[in-house]
Protein backbone atom coordinates (compact mmCIF):
# COMPACT_ATOMS: atom_id res chain seq x y z
CA UNK A 1 -44.36 14.73 -42.38
CA UNK A 2 -43.64 11.07 -41.59
CA UNK A 3 -39.94 11.95 -41.22
CA UNK A 4 -40.68 14.58 -38.56
CA UNK A 5 -42.97 12.18 -36.69
CA UNK A 6 -40.19 9.56 -36.59
CA UNK A 7 -37.68 12.11 -35.30
CA UNK A 8 -40.14 13.27 -32.63
CA UNK A 9 -40.80 9.68 -31.53
CA UNK A 10 -37.06 9.02 -31.28
CA UNK A 11 -36.58 12.11 -29.13
CA UNK A 12 -39.45 11.09 -26.87
CA UNK A 13 -37.97 7.60 -26.60
CA UNK A 14 -34.59 8.97 -25.55
CA UNK A 15 -36.19 11.26 -22.97
CA UNK A 16 -38.26 8.38 -21.57
CA UNK A 17 -35.19 6.12 -21.40
CA UNK A 18 -33.25 8.78 -19.51
CA UNK A 19 -36.11 9.10 -17.02
CA UNK A 20 -36.58 5.37 -16.51
CA UNK A 21 -32.92 4.36 -16.85
CA UNK A 22 -30.71 7.27 -15.80
CA UNK A 23 -27.07 6.84 -16.84
CA UNK A 24 -25.36 9.79 -15.22
CA UNK A 25 -23.09 9.03 -12.29
CA UNK A 26 -23.79 11.37 -9.37
CA UNK A 27 -22.33 12.16 -5.95
CA UNK A 28 -23.82 13.56 -2.76
CA UNK A 29 -21.98 14.65 0.37
CA UNK A 30 -23.28 14.64 3.92
CA UNK A 31 -21.31 16.76 6.37
CA UNK A 32 -22.07 19.27 9.13
CA UNK A 33 -22.16 22.98 8.37
CA UNK A 34 -20.31 23.81 11.57
CA UNK A 35 -17.67 21.98 13.63
CA UNK A 36 -15.58 22.77 16.71
CA UNK A 37 -11.77 22.93 16.62
CA UNK A 38 -10.22 19.89 18.30
CA UNK A 39 -13.27 17.72 17.57
CA UNK A 40 -13.99 14.99 15.02
CA UNK A 41 -16.79 14.90 12.49
CA UNK A 42 -18.00 12.45 9.82
CA UNK A 43 -17.95 12.88 6.06
CA UNK A 44 -20.33 10.62 4.14
CA UNK A 45 -20.24 10.32 0.35
CA UNK A 46 -23.07 8.58 -1.50
CA UNK A 47 -22.23 7.43 -5.00
CA UNK A 48 -24.89 6.57 -7.55
CA UNK A 49 -22.66 4.73 -9.98
CA UNK A 50 -25.26 3.85 -12.64
CA UNK A 51 -23.64 0.69 -13.96
CA UNK A 52 -19.98 1.63 -13.50
CA UNK A 53 -18.25 -1.55 -12.37
CA UNK A 54 -14.49 -1.61 -13.03
CA UNK A 55 -11.56 0.45 -11.73
CA UNK A 56 -12.57 3.67 -9.97
CA UNK A 57 -11.20 6.29 -7.58
CA UNK A 58 -12.67 8.97 -5.33
CA UNK A 59 -10.40 11.64 -3.91
CA UNK A 60 -10.67 14.82 -1.88
CA UNK A 61 -8.01 17.32 -0.88
CA UNK A 62 -8.25 18.53 2.70
CA UNK A 63 -6.74 21.77 4.00
CA UNK A 64 -3.75 21.40 6.29
CA UNK A 65 -4.79 21.08 9.89
CA UNK A 66 -7.33 18.36 9.07
CA UNK A 67 -6.58 14.64 9.26
CA UNK A 68 -8.70 11.74 8.03
CA UNK A 69 -9.40 8.18 9.16
CA UNK A 70 -11.59 5.67 7.34
CA UNK A 71 -14.94 4.53 8.73
CA UNK A 72 -16.55 2.60 5.85
CA UNK A 73 -14.57 1.96 2.67
CA UNK A 74 -17.02 -0.28 0.71
CA UNK A 75 -14.21 -2.69 -0.32
CA UNK A 76 -11.97 0.15 -1.51
CA UNK A 77 -8.38 0.67 -0.44
CA UNK A 78 -8.21 3.83 1.67
CA UNK A 79 -5.27 6.20 1.98
CA UNK A 80 -4.70 9.62 3.48
CA UNK A 81 -1.40 11.17 2.45
CA UNK A 82 -0.23 14.65 1.46
CA UNK A 83 -3.64 15.93 2.61
CA UNK A 84 -5.41 13.78 0.00
CA UNK A 85 -8.18 11.36 0.89
CA UNK A 86 -8.30 8.49 -1.60
CA UNK A 87 -10.66 5.55 -2.03
CA UNK A 88 -9.54 3.20 -4.84
CA UNK A 89 -11.55 0.28 -6.19
CA UNK A 90 -10.00 -2.21 -8.57
CA UNK A 91 -13.57 -3.29 -9.15
CA UNK A 92 -16.61 -1.42 -7.86
CA UNK A 93 -19.24 -3.21 -5.73
CA UNK A 94 -22.29 -4.51 -7.60
CA UNK A 95 -24.83 -2.20 -5.92
CA UNK A 96 -25.87 0.85 -7.95
CA UNK A 97 -25.60 3.02 -4.85
CA UNK A 98 -22.70 2.79 -2.42
CA UNK A 99 -21.76 4.94 0.57
CA UNK A 100 -18.26 5.59 1.86
CA UNK A 101 -17.38 7.53 4.99
CA UNK A 102 -14.46 8.76 7.02
CA UNK A 103 -13.74 10.87 10.09
CA UNK A 104 -11.98 14.23 10.04
CA UNK A 105 -10.09 15.50 13.07
CA UNK A 106 -9.72 19.30 13.29
CA UNK A 107 -6.60 20.84 14.78
CA UNK A 108 -7.56 22.52 18.06
CA UNK A 109 -5.78 25.79 17.07
CA UNK A 110 -7.99 26.52 14.02
CA UNK A 111 -10.96 28.72 13.27
CA UNK A 112 -12.62 30.08 10.13
CA UNK A 113 -14.22 28.69 6.97
CA UNK A 114 -13.04 26.10 4.50
CA UNK A 115 -14.43 24.25 1.52
CA UNK A 116 -13.97 20.65 0.42
CA UNK A 117 -14.63 19.28 -3.04
CA UNK A 118 -14.19 15.85 -4.57
CA UNK A 119 -13.58 14.00 -7.81
CA UNK A 120 -14.83 10.54 -8.76
CA UNK A 121 -12.99 8.92 -11.70
CA UNK A 122 -14.15 5.70 -13.32
CA UNK A 123 -13.95 3.61 -16.48
CA UNK A 124 -16.88 3.55 -18.89
CA UNK A 125 -16.15 1.07 -21.66
CA UNK A 126 -12.67 2.09 -22.77
CA UNK A 127 -13.09 5.73 -21.70
CA UNK A 128 -12.01 7.35 -18.46
CA UNK A 129 -14.63 9.70 -17.03
CA UNK A 130 -14.82 11.98 -14.03
CA UNK A 131 -17.58 13.53 -11.94
CA UNK A 132 -16.99 16.48 -9.61
CA UNK A 133 -18.58 16.78 -6.19
CA UNK A 134 -20.15 20.15 -5.46
CA UNK A 135 -18.12 22.11 -2.86
CA UNK A 136 -19.21 21.85 0.76
CA UNK A 137 -18.65 24.89 2.99
CA UNK A 138 -17.84 24.20 6.65
CA UNK A 139 -17.23 26.66 9.48
CA UNK A 140 -14.80 25.91 12.32
CA UNK A 141 -15.73 27.35 15.69
CA UNK A 142 -12.65 28.14 17.80
CA UNK A 143 -11.99 25.98 20.84
CA UNK A 144 -12.79 27.50 24.22
CA UNK A 145 -9.97 25.54 25.88
CA UNK A 146 -7.11 26.94 23.79
CA UNK A 147 -5.28 30.21 24.45
CA UNK A 148 -6.78 32.77 22.00
CA UNK A 149 -3.26 33.95 21.13
CA UNK A 150 -2.57 30.51 19.66
CA UNK A 151 -5.68 30.33 17.49
CA UNK A 152 -5.18 30.98 13.77
CA UNK A 153 -7.53 31.22 10.81
CA UNK A 154 -7.43 28.07 8.67
CA UNK A 155 -6.66 30.13 5.53
CA UNK A 156 -3.58 31.62 7.22
CA UNK A 157 -2.60 28.20 8.52
CA UNK A 158 -2.19 27.01 4.91
CA UNK A 159 0.64 29.54 4.39
CA UNK A 160 2.68 28.39 7.38
CA UNK A 161 5.60 26.01 6.95
CA UNK A 162 4.34 22.61 8.12
CA UNK A 163 6.12 20.83 10.92
CA UNK A 164 7.70 17.60 9.70
CA UNK A 165 8.17 15.18 12.58
CA UNK A 166 11.30 13.03 12.31
CA UNK A 167 10.80 9.56 10.93
CA UNK A 168 11.93 8.04 14.23
CA UNK A 169 9.08 9.85 16.01
CA UNK A 170 6.53 8.63 13.47
CA UNK A 171 7.93 5.11 13.74
CA UNK A 172 7.47 5.19 17.51
CA UNK A 173 3.69 5.20 16.93
CA UNK A 174 3.92 1.77 15.28
CA UNK A 175 3.59 -1.35 17.43
CA UNK A 176 3.83 -5.05 16.64
CA UNK A 177 2.93 -7.37 19.52
CA UNK A 178 3.01 -11.15 19.57
CA UNK A 179 0.82 -13.14 21.95
CA UNK A 180 2.73 -15.98 23.58
CA UNK A 181 1.96 -19.10 21.44
CA UNK A 182 -0.94 -21.14 22.79
CA UNK A 183 -2.20 -24.64 22.03
CA UNK A 184 -5.14 -24.78 19.65
CA UNK A 185 -6.64 -27.99 21.05
CA UNK A 186 -5.86 -29.86 17.82
CA UNK A 187 -3.03 -32.24 18.64
CA UNK A 188 0.12 -30.34 19.55
CA UNK A 189 -0.51 -27.46 17.14
CA UNK A 190 0.01 -23.95 18.47
CA UNK A 191 -1.45 -20.64 17.30
CA UNK A 192 0.60 -17.46 17.08
CA UNK A 193 -1.38 -14.19 17.14
CA UNK A 194 0.31 -10.94 16.13
CA UNK A 195 -1.21 -7.49 16.69
CA UNK A 196 -0.15 -4.69 14.33
CA UNK A 197 -0.83 -1.05 15.17
CA UNK A 198 0.25 0.58 11.94
CA UNK A 199 0.37 4.23 13.05
CA UNK A 200 1.35 6.29 9.99
CA UNK A 201 2.50 3.28 7.96
CA UNK A 202 0.25 2.21 5.09
CA UNK A 203 2.27 0.53 2.32
CA UNK A 204 5.00 -2.04 1.72
CA UNK A 205 5.18 -3.85 5.06
CA UNK A 206 6.52 -7.20 6.19
CA UNK A 207 6.38 -9.40 9.28
CA UNK A 208 9.26 -11.88 9.45
CA UNK A 209 9.39 -14.52 12.19
CA UNK A 210 12.22 -16.99 12.93
CA UNK A 211 10.51 -20.34 13.57
CA UNK A 212 12.25 -22.87 15.86
CA UNK A 213 13.68 -25.95 14.17
CA UNK A 214 11.30 -28.87 14.04
CA UNK A 215 8.20 -26.75 13.49
CA UNK A 216 6.24 -25.95 10.34
CA UNK A 217 4.30 -22.68 9.98
CA UNK A 218 1.00 -22.41 8.12
CA UNK A 219 -1.12 -19.30 7.56
CA UNK A 220 -4.36 -18.94 9.51
CA UNK A 221 -5.49 -15.32 9.05
CA UNK A 222 -3.34 -13.07 6.84
CA UNK A 223 -5.43 -9.89 6.42
CA UNK A 224 -4.69 -9.79 2.68
CA UNK A 225 -0.96 -10.39 3.09
CA UNK A 226 1.04 -12.93 1.07
CA UNK A 227 2.22 -15.60 3.52
CA UNK A 228 5.32 -17.69 2.92
CA UNK A 229 7.25 -20.20 4.99
CA UNK A 230 10.75 -21.06 3.85
CA UNK A 231 14.07 -21.80 5.58
CA UNK A 232 12.32 -21.64 8.99
CA UNK A 233 11.11 -18.10 8.34
CA UNK A 234 7.41 -17.20 8.32
CA UNK A 235 6.62 -14.00 6.42
CA UNK A 236 3.58 -11.81 5.87
CA UNK A 237 4.05 -9.39 2.92
CA UNK A 238 1.75 -6.44 2.19
CA UNK A 239 1.80 -4.04 -0.75
CA UNK A 240 -0.92 -2.07 1.10
CA UNK A 241 -1.68 -2.51 4.78
CA UNK A 242 -5.29 -3.00 5.89
CA UNK A 243 -7.12 0.32 6.40
CA UNK A 244 -7.88 -0.29 10.09
CA UNK A 245 -5.51 1.42 12.56
CA UNK A 246 -4.93 -1.93 14.28
CA UNK A 247 -5.46 -5.55 13.19
CA UNK A 248 -4.46 -9.11 14.09
CA UNK A 249 -2.89 -11.80 11.90
CA UNK A 250 -1.98 -15.31 12.96
CA UNK A 251 -0.34 -18.51 11.86
CA UNK A 252 -0.34 -22.11 13.05
CA UNK A 253 2.76 -24.01 14.24
CA UNK A 254 2.87 -27.79 13.93
CA UNK A 255 5.72 -29.94 15.32
CA UNK A 256 7.18 -32.13 12.58
CA UNK A 257 7.66 -35.10 14.95
CA UNK A 258 4.44 -34.52 16.86
CA UNK A 259 6.25 -33.51 20.05
CA UNK A 260 5.53 -29.95 21.21
CA UNK A 261 7.31 -27.67 23.62
CA UNK A 262 5.47 -25.40 26.03
CA UNK A 263 7.97 -22.62 25.40
CA UNK A 264 8.90 -21.58 21.88
CA UNK A 265 11.70 -19.02 21.41
CA UNK A 266 10.32 -16.97 18.50
CA UNK A 267 11.97 -13.76 17.34
CA UNK A 268 10.61 -11.49 14.66
CA UNK A 269 10.61 -8.03 13.09
CA UNK A 270 8.08 -5.75 11.44
CA UNK A 271 9.33 -3.70 8.45
CA UNK A 272 7.44 -0.74 7.02
CA UNK A 273 7.86 2.48 5.03
CA UNK A 274 7.61 6.02 6.42
CA UNK A 275 8.45 9.06 4.27
CA UNK A 276 10.23 6.77 1.79
CA UNK A 277 12.49 5.47 4.58
CA UNK A 278 12.48 1.82 5.62
CA UNK A 279 12.00 1.19 9.34
CA UNK A 280 12.38 -2.14 11.12
CA UNK A 281 11.13 -2.73 14.67
CA UNK A 282 11.30 -5.78 16.91
CA UNK A 283 8.10 -7.70 17.56
CA UNK A 284 7.33 -7.68 21.29
CA UNK A 285 6.01 -10.88 22.88
CA UNK A 286 3.54 -10.48 25.76
CA UNK A 287 1.14 -12.62 27.78
CA UNK A 288 -1.99 -10.99 26.39
CA UNK A 289 -5.21 -12.17 24.78
CA UNK A 290 -5.34 -11.27 21.08
CA UNK A 291 -8.33 -13.49 20.37
CA UNK A 292 -10.47 -10.67 21.76
CA UNK A 293 -10.68 -8.22 18.83
CA UNK A 294 -12.65 -5.53 20.66
CA UNK A 295 -10.98 -2.21 19.66
CA UNK A 296 -10.89 -0.93 23.24
CA UNK A 297 -9.22 -4.14 24.42
CA UNK A 298 -6.60 -3.93 21.65
CA UNK A 299 -6.01 -0.23 22.27
CA UNK A 300 -5.35 -1.01 25.93
CA UNK A 301 -2.71 -3.58 24.96
CA UNK A 302 -1.08 -1.11 22.56
CA UNK A 303 -1.07 1.72 25.09
CA UNK A 304 0.58 -0.46 27.75
CA UNK A 305 3.31 -1.70 25.41
CA UNK A 306 6.74 -0.02 25.40
CA UNK A 307 7.93 2.00 22.42
CA UNK A 308 9.59 -0.26 19.84
CA UNK A 309 13.32 -0.43 19.38
CA UNK A 310 14.36 0.54 15.86
CA UNK A 311 16.58 -2.11 14.27
CA UNK A 312 19.63 -0.51 12.65
CA UNK A 313 20.22 -1.27 8.94
CA UNK A 314 22.94 -3.73 8.10
CA UNK A 315 26.30 -2.62 6.73
CA UNK A 316 27.94 -3.80 3.52
CA UNK A 317 31.53 -2.73 2.82
CA UNK A 318 31.10 0.16 5.22
CA UNK A 319 28.05 1.50 3.40
CA UNK A 320 24.58 1.18 4.98
CA UNK A 321 22.18 -0.75 2.76
CA UNK A 322 18.48 -0.09 2.68
CA UNK A 323 15.99 -2.86 3.10
CA UNK A 324 14.00 -4.43 0.35
CA UNK A 325 11.59 -1.53 -0.19
CA UNK A 326 13.87 1.52 -0.09
CA UNK A 327 14.39 4.07 -2.88
CA UNK A 328 14.87 1.19 -5.29
CA UNK A 329 11.11 1.38 -5.87
CA UNK A 330 10.73 -2.17 -4.63
CA UNK A 331 12.70 -5.29 -5.44
CA UNK A 332 15.95 -6.41 -3.82
CA UNK A 333 18.56 -3.66 -3.71
CA UNK A 334 21.98 -4.84 -4.85
CA UNK A 335 24.62 -3.82 -2.28
CA UNK A 336 27.13 -1.24 -3.51
CA UNK A 337 30.75 -2.21 -2.89
CA UNK A 338 33.41 0.39 -3.55
CA UNK A 339 36.77 -0.84 -4.91
CA UNK A 340 40.01 0.91 -5.85
CA UNK A 341 40.32 1.52 -9.59
CA UNK A 342 43.65 1.35 -11.41
CA UNK A 343 43.64 4.48 -13.58
CA UNK A 344 45.96 2.75 -16.04
CA UNK A 345 43.21 0.33 -16.95
CA UNK A 346 40.12 1.33 -18.88
CA UNK A 347 37.16 1.75 -16.55
CA UNK A 348 34.76 0.07 -18.96
CA UNK A 349 36.00 -2.35 -21.55
CA UNK A 350 34.50 -2.58 -25.01
CA UNK A 351 33.34 -6.11 -24.17
CA UNK A 352 31.62 -4.89 -21.01
CA UNK A 353 29.88 -2.12 -22.95
CA UNK A 354 28.66 -4.70 -25.46
CA UNK A 355 27.32 -6.86 -22.62
CA UNK A 356 25.58 -3.85 -21.04
CA UNK A 357 23.85 -3.08 -24.33
CA UNK A 358 22.95 -6.75 -24.83
CA UNK A 359 21.08 -6.81 -21.50
CA UNK A 360 19.33 -3.44 -21.81
CA UNK A 361 15.53 -3.55 -21.81
CA UNK A 362 14.01 -2.73 -25.20
CA UNK A 363 10.63 -0.97 -25.40
CA UNK A 364 7.60 -2.93 -26.59
CA UNK A 365 4.35 -1.73 -28.09
CA UNK A 366 1.22 -1.30 -26.02
CA UNK A 367 0.65 -2.02 -22.34
CA UNK A 368 2.54 -4.90 -20.74
CA UNK A 369 3.82 -6.05 -17.37
CA UNK A 370 7.20 -7.26 -16.12
CA UNK A 371 8.39 -8.55 -12.74
CA UNK A 372 11.09 -6.42 -11.14
CA UNK A 373 13.48 -8.51 -9.06
CA UNK A 374 16.29 -6.11 -8.11
CA UNK A 375 17.62 -2.57 -8.31
CA UNK A 376 20.93 -0.89 -7.63
CA UNK A 377 23.12 2.11 -8.37
CA UNK A 378 25.77 0.02 -10.17
CA UNK A 379 25.57 -2.46 -13.01
CA UNK A 380 26.29 -6.07 -12.06
CA UNK A 381 27.26 -9.17 -13.98
CA UNK A 382 23.68 -10.08 -14.74
CA UNK A 383 24.24 -13.71 -15.73
CA UNK A 384 26.33 -14.64 -12.70
CA UNK A 385 24.44 -12.57 -10.13
CA UNK A 386 20.96 -13.84 -10.89
CA UNK A 387 22.00 -17.46 -11.41
CA UNK A 388 23.00 -17.43 -7.75
CA UNK A 389 19.43 -16.32 -6.96
CA UNK A 390 17.91 -19.22 -8.95
CA UNK A 391 16.69 -16.94 -11.77
CA UNK A 392 17.07 -18.79 -15.06
CA UNK A 393 15.03 -16.43 -17.26
CA UNK A 394 16.32 -13.62 -19.44
CA UNK A 395 17.03 -10.70 -17.08
CA UNK A 396 16.98 -7.19 -18.56
CA UNK A 397 18.07 -3.89 -17.05
CA UNK A 398 16.93 -0.28 -17.50
CA UNK A 399 17.90 3.10 -16.11
CA UNK A 400 15.01 4.61 -14.18
CA UNK A 401 15.09 7.49 -11.67
CA UNK A 402 18.81 7.01 -11.04
CA UNK A 403 18.63 3.24 -10.57
CA UNK A 404 19.54 0.21 -12.64
CA UNK A 405 16.37 -1.87 -12.38
CA UNK A 406 16.36 -5.56 -13.28
CA UNK A 407 13.25 -7.37 -14.44
CA UNK A 408 12.04 -10.50 -16.20
CA UNK A 409 9.17 -11.54 -18.46
CA UNK A 410 6.71 -9.68 -20.63
CA UNK A 411 3.04 -10.29 -19.86
CA UNK A 412 -0.01 -8.89 -21.61
CA UNK A 413 -2.19 -9.79 -18.59
CA UNK A 414 -1.57 -8.55 -15.06
CA UNK A 415 -2.65 -11.88 -13.54
CA UNK A 416 0.10 -13.75 -15.38
CA UNK A 417 2.72 -11.31 -14.08
CA UNK A 418 1.24 -11.58 -10.57
CA UNK A 419 1.48 -15.40 -10.72
CA UNK A 420 5.14 -15.22 -11.81
CA UNK A 421 5.88 -12.79 -8.99
CA UNK A 422 4.34 -15.23 -6.48
CA UNK A 423 6.47 -18.05 -7.96
CA UNK A 424 9.59 -15.98 -7.39
CA UNK A 425 8.57 -15.31 -3.80
CA UNK A 426 8.15 -19.02 -3.11
CA UNK A 427 10.99 -20.56 -5.17
CA UNK A 428 13.89 -18.08 -4.88
CA UNK A 429 15.55 -16.05 -2.11
CA UNK A 430 13.89 -12.93 -3.57
CA UNK A 431 10.87 -12.29 -1.36
CA UNK A 432 10.10 -8.73 -2.46
CA UNK A 433 9.75 -8.88 -6.23
CA UNK A 434 6.82 -6.90 -7.61
CA UNK A 435 4.90 -6.25 -10.83
CA UNK A 436 5.91 -3.21 -12.93
CA UNK A 437 3.77 -1.85 -15.76
CA UNK A 438 4.77 -0.24 -19.07
CA UNK A 439 3.05 1.59 -21.90
CA UNK A 440 5.07 1.64 -25.15
CA UNK A 441 8.26 1.20 -23.13
CA UNK A 442 7.50 3.91 -20.53
CA UNK A 443 6.88 2.97 -16.92
CA UNK A 444 3.39 3.69 -15.63
CA UNK A 445 1.61 2.62 -12.46
CA UNK A 446 -0.13 -0.74 -12.35
CA UNK A 447 -3.41 1.08 -11.65
CA UNK A 448 -3.01 3.11 -14.85
CA UNK A 449 -2.23 -0.03 -16.83
CA UNK A 450 -5.31 -1.76 -15.44
CA UNK A 451 -7.45 1.23 -16.35
CA UNK A 452 -6.11 1.34 -19.90
CA UNK A 453 -6.55 -2.38 -20.51
CA UNK A 454 -9.71 -2.72 -18.42
CA UNK A 455 -8.20 -5.71 -16.63
CA UNK A 456 -8.98 -6.97 -13.15
CA UNK A 457 -6.52 -6.63 -10.27
CA UNK A 458 -5.55 -9.73 -8.29
CA UNK A 459 -3.79 -9.82 -4.94
């Protein structure tokens, strides 16, 4: 009898604990039941995270014909690509309940019904868990301003071949505008404001400015970029651009001898990725006020600015080379130089094959991180090539997705790899090294590695 009483008390205790201290993560969606084609509407997701605090991700797939733009990201990185809305937290906010929101724009040619769902993934201890959002049904009312012959049901629209605008057209939506340098009121220091309208760009971007001799550049506001100043070049480097459609960064210029000039000839470029293609545009300098961050004011400046000129890629031995972020999956791409081969000589000597094997990357156990510093389609003389780039560590190579990728180090903690990457940026000519993650010798994403090891991400 006593045994049954104890069991009953335990069951009651568990039920009471679940009532007083609920542990289940839950999601709620707030969205209209009906929208009009051509209009925008808000999606609001409320997350009751119940103690979840580390890496997490919320994603929704939208039907074609709908586009998304962030409103409130609650410290998450936001992305909308391939019709997927993604909010990613490397560490969730402390509040038990958080709300994220974004706007959806409906193509003016659509009508009919569609459903959106969602999936929240998070880490609980060492386990990865997921919670599904109940589907939300939404009806699209056709626009009264569009020719009825052009209106199509959203379900039929999914079967049509999507129009893919050329990269040059997408790039024309990007703007980078520099305000003419102005004195700060502190000695002869000057402030340089730069407005970025990122258009469709969202990852792997760089501002590079040529600073006149006699001046030193120092970061003021970087908007989460890594700022460097070396060899009279000021650089802002982003792995992920800020979520806002437009933002302003700035840096301070100080004359080394204390004597300032009222006119500074600064030239710069903005590099970014679109559809896996690197684009480079000139930064336009204008007499505008970028200290006023009102969105309407900034939009007016952007709208009145001419379309950017696309900077052509440089040529090496007659072959165009991509910039630092091209298909090499990050890192400096080694230029390919074609040479005549004497068929009477062996193409690869036994000694060369031995050297290639000696420098090949060997798999390690568990999750670890390395710093990738270069990639190319041909093997190079590793010792000579990287000595010229001030790399004294043991460089290893691997074949991955058709590339020879070169990396250094082996770090159990992401932060240590991040610190070494930053050292390379500041002490060598390689300004686009990045952290690569492995699990038992196989490449995985850094996010996956952080989830597996339950480590914190650092910028």
